Amino acid sequence: MKIRKISRRQFITASLLAAPGLVLVDSKLEPTRLKVRHIRMGTAPTTSRLVHFSDVHHKGDSAYLQTVIETINSLSPDFVCFTGDIMEQGQFLNEALAQFAQIKAPLYGVPGNHDYWSRAAFGTIGECFASTGGGWLLDQTRQIGDHIHLIGITCMHARSQQLAHDPTRKNIVLMHYPAWVKEFTGQKFDLLLAGHSHGGQVRIPFYGPVVVPYLVDQYSLGLYQTDSGPLYVNPGIGYIGRCNFRLNCPPEITVIEV
């Protein structure tokens, strides 16, 4: 984890600013109070409506995950994008996939670092995603209708190489690590989607996240304009390890019109 160092004065000031939120809005500490955020890319007419979610880190809370799936379905997306970390321990994979399979739109996704660390069965995951009409994209691309060229890169991807680009469609990149946006030198995309950061899980007003994982850098949460195109970093659905709390950083499902 990368820890941002702050001075004593900055810490005291930030804590005083955060205190009223802790006392008056204790719901912000609730790690399952799901938020739906809507974003429209640009001013031109949109052709597709996608849902982005990330970092489920499923640990057996099936009721919460069912709420996530039902919320996604209620939004009626053309397709759904997942940017890694289904679970932390392999014992929860099949349970998570049984609920992922209920998504009523093509589900496309890429693995996160915890999917590798847990030695998840990527073949089984691929079958689940394919059953929705989507795919588990391991450094692969997919054409979605007449308008979308989807590019999925893994955590093992050789970042310096050129990614497949289709000039006749809108090019969307799925990746786990937000900081990788800096690696696509000279390449431009219509949208890049990432997770991994969890938004920091704890965000102090007027300061931001106290702690973020590696390969996040300044891209901790939300929409960023970068040299490679607009990057959206989703704060995730679950939490890391036993850190089952959030402050000013609710779990999120993002609806994006492109």
C-alpha atoms as a PDB file:
ATOM      1  CA  MET A   1       0.000   0.000   0.000  1.00  0.00           C
ATOM      2  CA  LYS A   2       1.189   3.534  -0.728  1.00  0.00           C
ATOM      3  CA  ILE A   3       0.736   5.907   2.222  1.00  0.00           C
ATOM      4  CA  ARG A   4       0.464   9.599   1.593  1.00  0.00           C
ATOM      5  CA  LYS A   5       2.446  11.552   4.168  1.00  0.00           C
ATOM      6  CA  ILE A   6       0.848  14.647   5.656  1.00  0.00           C
ATOM      7  CA  SER A   7       1.971  17.152   8.235  1.00  0.00           C
ATOM      8  CA  ARG A   8       0.593  17.261  11.778  1.00  0.00           C
ATOM      9  CA  ARG A   9      -1.263  20.486  10.992  1.00  0.00           C
ATOM     10  CA  GLN A  10      -2.806  18.996   7.831  1.00  0.00           C
ATOM     11  CA  PHE A  11      -3.919  15.892   9.737  1.00  0.00           C
ATOM     12  CA  ILE A  12      -5.527  17.897  12.566  1.00  0.00           C
ATOM     13  CA  THR A  13      -7.282  20.200  10.091  1.00  0.00           C
ATOM     14  CA  ALA A  14      -8.573  17.314   8.001  1.00  0.00           C
ATOM     15  CA  SER A  15      -9.750  15.423  11.095  1.00  0.00           C
ATOM     16  CA  LEU A  16     -11.691  18.438  12.337  1.00  0.00           C
ATOM     17  CA  LEU A  17     -13.328  18.795   8.952  1.00  0.00           C
ATOM     18  CA  ALA A  18     -14.209  15.108   8.856  1.00  0.00           C
ATOM     19  CA  ALA A  19     -15.581  14.922  12.414  1.00  0.00           C
ATOM     20  CA  PRO A  20     -19.006  16.491  11.702  1.00  0.00           C
ATOM     21  CA  GLY A  21     -19.529  13.949   8.930  1.00  0.00           C
ATOM     22  CA  LEU A  22     -18.779  11.106  11.322  1.00  0.00           C
ATOM     23  CA  VAL A  23     -21.195  12.383  13.942  1.00  0.00           C
ATOM     24  CA  LEU A  24     -24.049  13.598  11.738  1.00  0.00           C
ATOM     25  CA  VAL A  25     -23.892  11.206   8.779  1.00  0.00           C
ATOM     26  CA  ASP A  26     -22.860   7.864  10.210  1.00  0.00           C
ATOM     27  CA  SER A  27     -24.394   6.157   7.156  1.00  0.00           C
ATOM     28  CA  LYS A  28     -21.248   7.086   5.235  1.00  0.00           C
ATOM     29  CA  LEU A  29     -19.433   4.442   7.264  1.00  0.00           C
ATOM     30  CA  GLU A  30     -21.770   1.784   5.887  1.00  0.00           C
ATOM     31  CA  PRO A  31     -19.768  -0.369   3.456  1.00  0.00           C
ATOM     32  CA  THR A  32     -22.835  -1.708   1.646  1.00  0.00           C
ATOM     33  CA  ARG A  33     -24.771   1.524   1.045  1.00  0.00           C
ATOM     34  CA  LEU A  34     -24.677   1.236  -2.728  1.00  0.00           C
ATOM     35  CA  LYS A  35     -24.498   4.347  -4.913  1.00  0.00           C
ATOM     36  CA  VAL A  36     -25.422   4.575  -8.601  1.00  0.00           C
ATOM     37  CA  ARG A  37     -23.587   7.299 -10.517  1.00  0.00           C
ATOM     38  CA  HIS A  38     -24.563   8.445 -14.031  1.00  0.00           C
ATOM     39  CA  ILE A  39     -22.056   9.866 -16.530  1.00  0.00           C
ATOM     40  CA  ARG A  40     -22.497  11.024 -20.124  1.00  0.00           C
ATOM     41  CA  MET A  41     -19.366  11.169 -22.243  1.00  0.00           C
ATOM     42  CA  GLY A  42     -19.184  14.282 -24.413  1.00  0.00           C
ATOM     43  CA  THR A  43     -21.995  16.242 -26.015  1.00  0.00           C
ATOM     44  CA  ALA A  44     -22.489  14.195 -29.194  1.00  0.00           C
ATOM     45  CA  PRO A  45     -25.410  11.745 -29.415  1.00  0.00           C
ATOM     46  CA  THR A  46     -24.665   8.578 -27.476  1.00  0.00           C
ATOM     47  CA  THR A  47     -24.831   5.109 -29.026  1.00  0.00           C
ATOM     48  CA  SER A  48     -24.386   2.813 -26.029  1.00  0.00           C
ATOM     49  CA  ARG A  49     -25.257   2.585 -22.355  1.00  0.00           C
ATOM     50  CA  LEU A  50     -22.868   0.548 -20.223  1.00  0.00           C
ATOM     51  CA  VAL A  51     -22.604  -0.272 -16.545  1.00  0.00           C
ATOM     52  CA  HIS A  52     -19.201  -0.395 -14.869  1.00  0.00           C
ATOM     53  CA  PHE A  53     -18.513  -2.148 -11.557  1.00  0.00           C
ATOM     54  CA  SER A  54     -15.333  -3.436  -9.973  1.00  0.00           C
ATOM     55  CA  ASP A  55     -13.586  -5.013  -6.992  1.00  0.00           C
ATOM     56  CA  VAL A  56     -16.357  -7.132  -5.533  1.00  0.00           C
ATOM     57  CA  HIS A  57     -13.966  -9.041  -3.227  1.00  0.00           C
ATOM     58  CA  HIS A  58     -16.788 -11.460  -2.466  1.00  0.00           C
ATOM     59  CA  LYS A  59     -16.454 -13.061   0.962  1.00  0.00           C
ATOM     60  CA  GLY A  60     -19.791 -14.825   1.239  1.00  0.00           C
ATOM     61  CA  ASP A  61     -22.227 -11.911   1.659  1.00  0.00           C
ATOM     62  CA  SER A  62     -24.656 -13.236  -0.932  1.00  0.00           C
ATOM     63  CA  ALA A  63     -27.508 -10.902   0.036  1.00  0.00           C
ATOM     64  CA  TYR A  64     -25.368  -7.828  -0.638  1.00  0.00           C
ATOM     65  CA  LEU A  65     -24.045  -9.198  -3.936  1.00  0.00           C
ATOM     66  CA  GLN A  66     -27.607 -10.027  -4.978  1.00  0.00           C
ATOM     67  CA  THR A  67     -28.525  -6.380  -4.381  1.00  0.00           C
ATOM     68  CA  VAL A  68     -25.635  -5.359  -6.632  1.00  0.00           C
ATOM     69  CA  ILE A  69     -26.769  -7.714  -9.409  1.00  0.00           C
ATOM     70  CA  GLU A  70     -30.408  -6.626  -9.157  1.00  0.00           C
ATOM     71  CA  THR A  71     -29.363  -2.970  -9.282  1.00  0.00           C
ATOM     72  CA  ILE A  72     -27.301  -3.595 -12.417  1.00  0.00           C
ATOM     73  CA  ASN A  73     -30.250  -5.324 -14.086  1.00  0.00           C
ATOM     74  CA  SER A  74     -32.603  -2.517 -13.134  1.00  0.00           C
ATOM     75  CA  LEU A  75     -30.429  -0.072 -15.090  1.00  0.00           C
ATOM     76  CA  SER A  76     -30.999  -1.973 -18.386  1.00  0.00           C
ATOM     77  CA  PRO A  77     -27.498  -1.531 -19.838  1.00  0.00           C
ATOM     78  CA  ASP A  78     -26.501  -2.587 -23.348  1.00  0.00           C
ATOM     79  CA  PHE A  79     -23.502  -4.325 -21.771  1.00  0.00           C
ATOM     80  CA  VAL A  80     -21.675  -4.505 -18.451  1.00  0.00           C
ATOM     81  CA  CYS A  81     -17.961  -3.999 -17.747  1.00  0.00           C
ATOM     82  CA  PHE A  82     -16.116  -5.482 -14.769  1.00  0.00           C
ATOM     83  CA  THR A  83     -12.533  -4.413 -13.990  1.00  0.00           C
ATOM     84  CA  GLY A  84     -11.246  -7.117 -11.699  1.00  0.00           C
ATOM     85  CA  ASP A  85     -11.090  -8.745  -8.244  1.00  0.00           C
ATOM     86  CA  ILE A  86     -14.082 -11.056  -8.026  1.00  0.00           C
ATOM     87  CA  MET A  87     -12.971 -12.480  -4.685  1.00  0.00           C
ATOM     88  CA  GLU A  88      -9.897 -12.896  -2.473  1.00  0.00           C
ATOM     89  CA  GLN A  89     -10.201 -16.596  -1.658  1.00  0.00           C
ATOM     90  CA  GLY A  90     -10.985 -19.300  -4.208  1.00  0.00           C
ATOM     91  CA  GLN A  91     -13.630 -20.873  -1.989  1.00  0.00           C
ATOM     92  CA  PHE A  92     -15.982 -17.984  -2.819  1.00  0.00           C
ATOM     93  CA  LEU A  93     -15.538 -18.059  -6.600  1.00  0.00           C
ATOM     94  CA  ASN A  94     -18.419 -20.365  -7.567  1.00  0.00           C
ATOM     95  CA  GLU A  95     -20.836 -18.553  -5.281  1.00  0.00           C
ATOM     96  CA  ALA A  96     -19.896 -15.194  -6.814  1.00  0.00           C
ATOM     97  CA  LEU A  97     -20.121 -16.519 -10.364  1.00  0.00           C
ATOM     98  CA  ALA A  98     -23.568 -18.013  -9.737  1.00  0.00           C
ATOM     99  CA  GLN A  99     -24.757 -14.479  -9.036  1.00  0.00           C
ATOM    100  CA  PHE A 100     -22.745 -12.861 -11.844  1.00  0.00           C
ATOM    101  CA  ALA A 101     -24.520 -15.261 -14.216  1.00  0.00           C
ATOM    102  CA  GLN A 102     -27.824 -13.566 -13.331  1.00  0.00           C
ATOM    103  CA  ILE A 103     -26.765 -10.333 -15.057  1.00  0.00           C
ATOM    104  CA  LYS A 104     -29.224  -9.770 -17.921  1.00  0.00           C
ATOM    105  CA  ALA A 105     -26.778  -8.130 -20.322  1.00  0.00           C
ATOM    106  CA  PRO A 106     -23.480  -9.223 -21.879  1.00  0.00           C
ATOM    107  CA  LEU A 107     -20.857  -9.140 -19.115  1.00  0.00           C
ATOM    108  CA  TYR A 108     -17.265  -8.390 -20.104  1.00  0.00           C
ATOM    109  CA  GLY A 109     -14.387  -8.318 -17.680  1.00  0.00           C
ATOM    110  CA  VAL A 110     -10.686  -8.536 -16.937  1.00  0.00           C
ATOM    111  CA  PRO A 111      -8.893 -10.017 -13.922  1.00  0.00           C
ATOM    112  CA  GLY A 112      -7.524  -8.073 -10.978  1.00  0.00           C
ATOM    113  CA  ASN A 113      -4.500  -8.859  -8.840  1.00  0.00           C
ATOM    114  CA  HIS A 114      -6.584 -10.749  -6.251  1.00  0.00           C
ATOM    115  CA  ASP A 115      -7.968 -12.998  -8.978  1.00  0.00           C
ATOM    116  CA  TYR A 116      -4.384 -14.039  -9.700  1.00  0.00           C
ATOM    117  CA  TRP A 117      -3.367 -14.293  -6.038  1.00  0.00           C
ATOM    118  CA  SER A 118      -6.355 -16.521  -5.224  1.00  0.00           C
ATOM    119  CA  ARG A 119      -5.495 -18.749  -8.202  1.00  0.00           C
ATOM    120  CA  ALA A 120      -9.017 -18.391  -9.537  1.00  0.00           C
ATOM    121  CA  ALA A 121     -10.028 -20.771 -12.321  1.00  0.00           C
ATOM    122  CA  PHE A 122     -10.016 -18.394 -15.285  1.00  0.00           C
ATOM    123  CA  GLY A 123     -11.637 -21.050 -17.483  1.00  0.00           C
ATOM    124  CA  THR A 124     -14.622 -21.244 -15.139  1.00  0.00           C
ATOM    125  CA  ILE A 125     -14.861 -17.463 -15.020  1.00  0.00           C
ATOM    126  CA  GLY A 126     -14.757 -17.347 -18.813  1.00  0.00           C
ATOM    127  CA  GLU A 127     -17.647 -19.792 -19.054  1.00  0.00           C
ATOM    128  CA  CYS A 128     -19.731 -17.659 -16.698  1.00  0.00           C
ATOM    129  CA  PHE A 129     -19.099 -14.433 -18.610  1.00  0.00           C
ATOM    130  CA  ALA A 130     -19.736 -16.167 -21.935  1.00  0.00           C
ATOM    131  CA  SER A 131     -23.086 -17.468 -20.632  1.00  0.00           C
ATOM    132  CA  THR A 132     -24.308 -13.850 -20.438  1.00  0.00           C
ATOM    133  CA  GLY A 133     -23.252 -13.187 -24.032  1.00  0.00           C
ATOM    134  CA  GLY A 134     -20.065 -11.410 -22.945  1.00  0.00           C
ATOM    135  CA  GLY A 135     -16.512 -12.554 -22.318  1.00  0.00           C
ATOM    136  CA  TRP A 136     -13.549 -12.768 -19.929  1.00  0.00           C
ATOM    137  CA  LEU A 137     -11.009 -10.752 -21.920  1.00  0.00           C
ATOM    138  CA  LEU A 138      -7.450 -11.929 -21.341  1.00  0.00           C
ATOM    139  CA  ASP A 139      -5.580  -9.477 -23.579  1.00  0.00           C
ATOM    140  CA  GLN A 140      -8.378  -9.813 -26.102  1.00  0.00           C
ATOM    141  CA  THR A 141     -10.823  -7.579 -27.955  1.00  0.00           C
ATOM    142  CA  ARG A 142     -14.522  -7.797 -28.793  1.00  0.00           C
ATOM    143  CA  GLN A 143     -16.779  -5.937 -31.176  1.00  0.00           C
ATOM    144  CA  ILE A 144     -20.076  -4.959 -29.568  1.00  0.00           C
ATOM    145  CA  GLY A 145     -22.693  -4.089 -32.145  1.00  0.00           C
ATOM    146  CA  ASP A 146     -21.790  -1.490 -34.733  1.00  0.00           C
ATOM    147  CA  HIS A 147     -20.289   1.077 -32.397  1.00  0.00           C
ATOM    148  CA  ILE A 148     -18.019  -0.381 -29.680  1.00  0.00           C
ATOM    149  CA  HIS A 149     -14.556  -1.922 -29.836  1.00  0.00           C
ATOM    150  CA  LEU A 150     -13.753  -3.317 -26.373  1.00  0.00           C
ATOM    151  CA  ILE A 151     -10.141  -3.966 -25.363  1.00  0.00           C
ATOM    152  CA  GLY A 152      -9.458  -6.069 -22.253  1.00  0.00           C
ATOM    153  CA  ILE A 153      -5.950  -6.173 -20.804  1.00  0.00           C
ATOM    154  CA  THR A 154      -4.710  -8.380 -17.978  1.00  0.00           C
ATOM    155  CA  CYS A 155      -2.443  -7.529 -15.063  1.00  0.00           C
ATOM    156  CA  MET A 156       0.289  -9.384 -16.957  1.00  0.00           C
ATOM    157  CA  HIS A 157      -0.066  -7.297 -20.106  1.00  0.00           C
ATOM    158  CA  ALA A 158       3.078  -5.907 -21.736  1.00  0.00           C
ATOM    159  CA  ARG A 159       1.954  -2.313 -21.354  1.00  0.00           C
ATOM    160  CA  SER A 160       4.427  -0.782 -23.784  1.00  0.00           C
ATOM    161  CA  GLN A 161       2.945  -2.539 -26.816  1.00  0.00           C
ATOM    162  CA  GLN A 162       0.318  -0.966 -29.032  1.00  0.00           C
ATOM    163  CA  LEU A 163      -3.247  -1.980 -28.165  1.00  0.00           C
ATOM    164  CA  ALA A 164      -5.580  -3.032 -30.969  1.00  0.00           C
ATOM    165  CA  HIS A 165      -7.508   0.028 -32.127  1.00  0.00           C
ATOM    166  CA  ASP A 166     -10.532   0.206 -34.426  1.00  0.00           C
ATOM    167  CA  PRO A 167     -10.898   3.633 -36.084  1.00  0.00           C
ATOM    168  CA  THR A 168     -14.485   2.871 -37.139  1.00  0.00           C
ATOM    169  CA  ARG A 169     -15.783   2.341 -33.591  1.00  0.00           C
ATOM    170  CA  LYS A 170     -15.529   3.838 -30.123  1.00  0.00           C
ATOM    171  CA  ASN A 171     -12.568   2.217 -28.404  1.00  0.00           C
ATOM    172  CA  ILE A 172     -13.019   1.314 -24.725  1.00  0.00           C
ATOM    173  CA  VAL A 173     -10.229  -0.186 -22.599  1.00  0.00           C
ATOM    174  CA  LEU A 174     -10.846  -2.388 -19.549  1.00  0.00           C
ATOM    175  CA  MET A 175      -7.921  -2.642 -17.113  1.00  0.00           C
ATOM    176  CA  HIS A 176      -7.456  -3.133 -13.404  1.00  0.00           C
ATOM    177  CA  TYR A 177      -4.665  -0.681 -12.534  1.00  0.00           C
ATOM    178  CA  PRO A 178      -5.506   3.026 -13.046  1.00  0.00           C
ATOM    179  CA  ALA A 179      -1.865   4.135 -13.256  1.00  0.00           C
ATOM    180  CA  TRP A 180      -1.413   2.073 -16.416  1.00  0.00           C
ATOM    181  CA  VAL A 181      -3.074   4.927 -18.284  1.00  0.00           C
ATOM    182  CA  LYS A 182       0.381   6.531 -18.307  1.00  0.00           C
ATOM    183  CA  GLU A 183       1.836   3.613 -20.257  1.00  0.00           C
ATOM    184  CA  PHE A 184      -0.167   4.028 -23.471  1.00  0.00           C
ATOM    185  CA  THR A 185       2.186   6.555 -25.027  1.00  0.00           C
ATOM    186  CA  GLY A 186       0.850   8.005 -28.249  1.00  0.00           C
ATOM    187  CA  GLN A 187      -2.394   6.024 -28.063  1.00  0.00           C
ATOM    188  CA  LYS A 188      -5.817   7.616 -27.686  1.00  0.00           C
ATOM    189  CA  PHE A 189      -9.050   5.921 -26.616  1.00  0.00           C
ATOM    190  CA  ASP A 190     -12.637   7.047 -26.210  1.00  0.00           C
ATOM    191  CA  LEU A 191     -12.824   5.688 -22.649  1.00  0.00           C
ATOM    192  CA  LEU A 192     -10.644   3.745 -20.222  1.00  0.00           C
ATOM    193  CA  LEU A 193     -12.159   1.941 -17.229  1.00  0.00           C
ATOM    194  CA  ALA A 194     -10.247   0.803 -14.127  1.00  0.00           C
ATOM    195  CA  GLY A 195     -10.729  -0.232 -10.513  1.00  0.00           C
ATOM    196  CA  HIS A 196      -8.214  -1.427  -7.894  1.00  0.00           C
ATOM    197  CA  SER A 197      -8.142   1.798  -5.861  1.00  0.00           C
ATOM    198  CA  HIS A 198     -11.364   1.282  -3.847  1.00  0.00           C
ATOM    199  CA  GLY A 199     -11.347   5.070  -3.874  1.00  0.00           C
ATOM    200  CA  GLY A 200      -9.071   4.718  -0.859  1.00  0.00           C
ATOM    201  CA  GLN A 201     -12.166   3.516   1.120  1.00  0.00           C
ATOM    202  CA  VAL A 202     -11.560   6.367   3.597  1.00  0.00           C
ATOM    203  CA  ARG A 203     -11.572   9.862   2.121  1.00  0.00           C
ATOM    204  CA  ILE A 204     -11.079  12.999   4.192  1.00  0.00           C
ATOM    205  CA  PRO A 205     -12.978  16.078   2.941  1.00  0.00           C
ATOM    206  CA  PHE A 206     -10.780  18.562   1.041  1.00  0.00           C
ATOM    207  CA  TYR A 207      -7.897  16.108   1.191  1.00  0.00           C
ATOM    208  CA  GLY A 208      -8.834  12.848  -0.469  1.00  0.00           C
ATOM    209  CA  PRO A 209      -7.791   9.268   0.271  1.00  0.00           C
ATOM    210  CA  VAL A 210      -5.439   8.622   3.161  1.00  0.00           C
ATOM    211  CA  VAL A 211      -4.151   5.352   1.704  1.00  0.00           C
ATOM    212  CA  VAL A 212      -4.279   3.932  -1.819  1.00  0.00           C
ATOM    213  CA  PRO A 213      -2.814   0.710  -3.262  1.00  0.00           C
ATOM    214  CA  TYR A 214       0.139   0.585  -5.631  1.00  0.00           C
ATOM    215  CA  LEU A 215      -0.429   1.421  -9.321  1.00  0.00           C
ATOM    216  CA  VAL A 216      -3.093   3.981  -8.503  1.00  0.00           C
ATOM    217  CA  ASP A 217      -1.028   7.198  -8.340  1.00  0.00           C
ATOM    218  CA  GLN A 218      -3.269  10.273  -8.610  1.00  0.00           C
ATOM    219  CA  TYR A 219      -6.154   8.323 -10.173  1.00  0.00           C
ATOM    220  CA  SER A 220      -7.991   7.278  -7.020  1.00  0.00           C
ATOM    221  CA  LEU A 221     -11.657   7.917  -7.872  1.00  0.00           C
ATOM    222  CA  GLY A 222     -13.836   9.297 -10.627  1.00  0.00           C
ATOM    223  CA  LEU A 223     -13.275  10.767 -14.061  1.00  0.00           C
ATOM    224  CA  TYR A 224      -9.888  12.019 -15.242  1.00  0.00           C
ATOM    225  CA  GLN A 225      -8.889  13.571 -18.549  1.00  0.00           C
ATOM    226  CA  THR A 226      -5.583  11.999 -19.581  1.00  0.00           C
ATOM    227  CA  ASP A 227      -3.324  12.022 -22.635  1.00  0.00           C
ATOM    228  CA  SER A 228      -4.735   8.591 -23.526  1.00  0.00           C
ATOM    229  CA  GLY A 229      -8.368   9.669 -23.205  1.00  0.00           C
ATOM    230  CA  PRO A 230     -10.957   9.917 -20.399  1.00  0.00           C
ATOM    231  CA  LEU A 231     -10.280   7.494 -17.546  1.00  0.00           C
ATOM    232  CA  TYR A 232     -12.965   6.460 -15.062  1.00  0.00           C
ATOM    233  CA  VAL A 233     -11.866   4.807 -11.813  1.00  0.00           C
ATOM    234  CA  ASN A 234     -14.644   2.957  -9.995  1.00  0.00           C
ATOM    235  CA  PRO A 235     -14.345   2.808  -6.157  1.00  0.00           C
ATOM    236  CA  GLY A 236     -15.454  -0.816  -6.065  1.00  0.00           C
ATOM    237  CA  ILE A 237     -18.214  -2.847  -4.502  1.00  0.00           C
ATOM    238  CA  GLY A 238     -16.387  -4.678  -1.711  1.00  0.00           C
ATOM    239  CA  TYR A 239     -13.461  -4.086   0.599  1.00  0.00           C
ATOM    240  CA  ILE A 240      -9.968  -5.434   1.078  1.00  0.00           C
ATOM    241  CA  GLY A 241      -9.309  -8.049   3.785  1.00  0.00           C
ATOM    242  CA  ARG A 242     -11.053  -7.195   7.044  1.00  0.00           C
ATOM    243  CA  CYS A 243     -11.271  -3.455   6.388  1.00  0.00           C
ATOM    244  CA  ASN A 244     -15.073  -3.544   6.140  1.00  0.00           C
ATOM    245  CA  PHE A 245     -15.733   0.164   6.391  1.00  0.00           C
ATOM    246  CA  ARG A 246     -15.869   3.196   4.136  1.00  0.00           C
ATOM    247  CA  LEU A 247     -15.931   6.919   4.835  1.00  0.00           C
ATOM    248  CA  ASN A 248     -17.057   9.435   2.197  1.00  0.00           C
ATOM    249  CA  CYS A 249     -16.474   6.700  -0.380  1.00  0.00           C
ATOM    250  CA  PRO A 250     -19.574   4.499  -0.877  1.00  0.00           C
ATOM    251  CA  PRO A 251     -19.508   1.407  -3.084  1.00  0.00           C
ATOM    252  CA  GLU A 252     -20.586   2.336  -6.584  1.00  0.00           C
ATOM    253  CA  ILE A 253     -22.191   1.112  -9.781  1.00  0.00           C
ATOM    254  CA  THR A 254     -21.470   3.514 -12.634  1.00  0.00           C
ATOM    255  CA  VAL A 255     -23.764   4.049 -15.618  1.00  0.00           C
ATOM    256  CA  ILE A 256     -21.886   5.543 -18.572  1.00  0.00           C
ATOM    257  CA  GLU A 257     -23.407   6.674 -21.865  1.00  0.00           C
ATOM    258  CA  VAL A 258     -20.929   6.793 -24.740  1.00  0.00           C
END
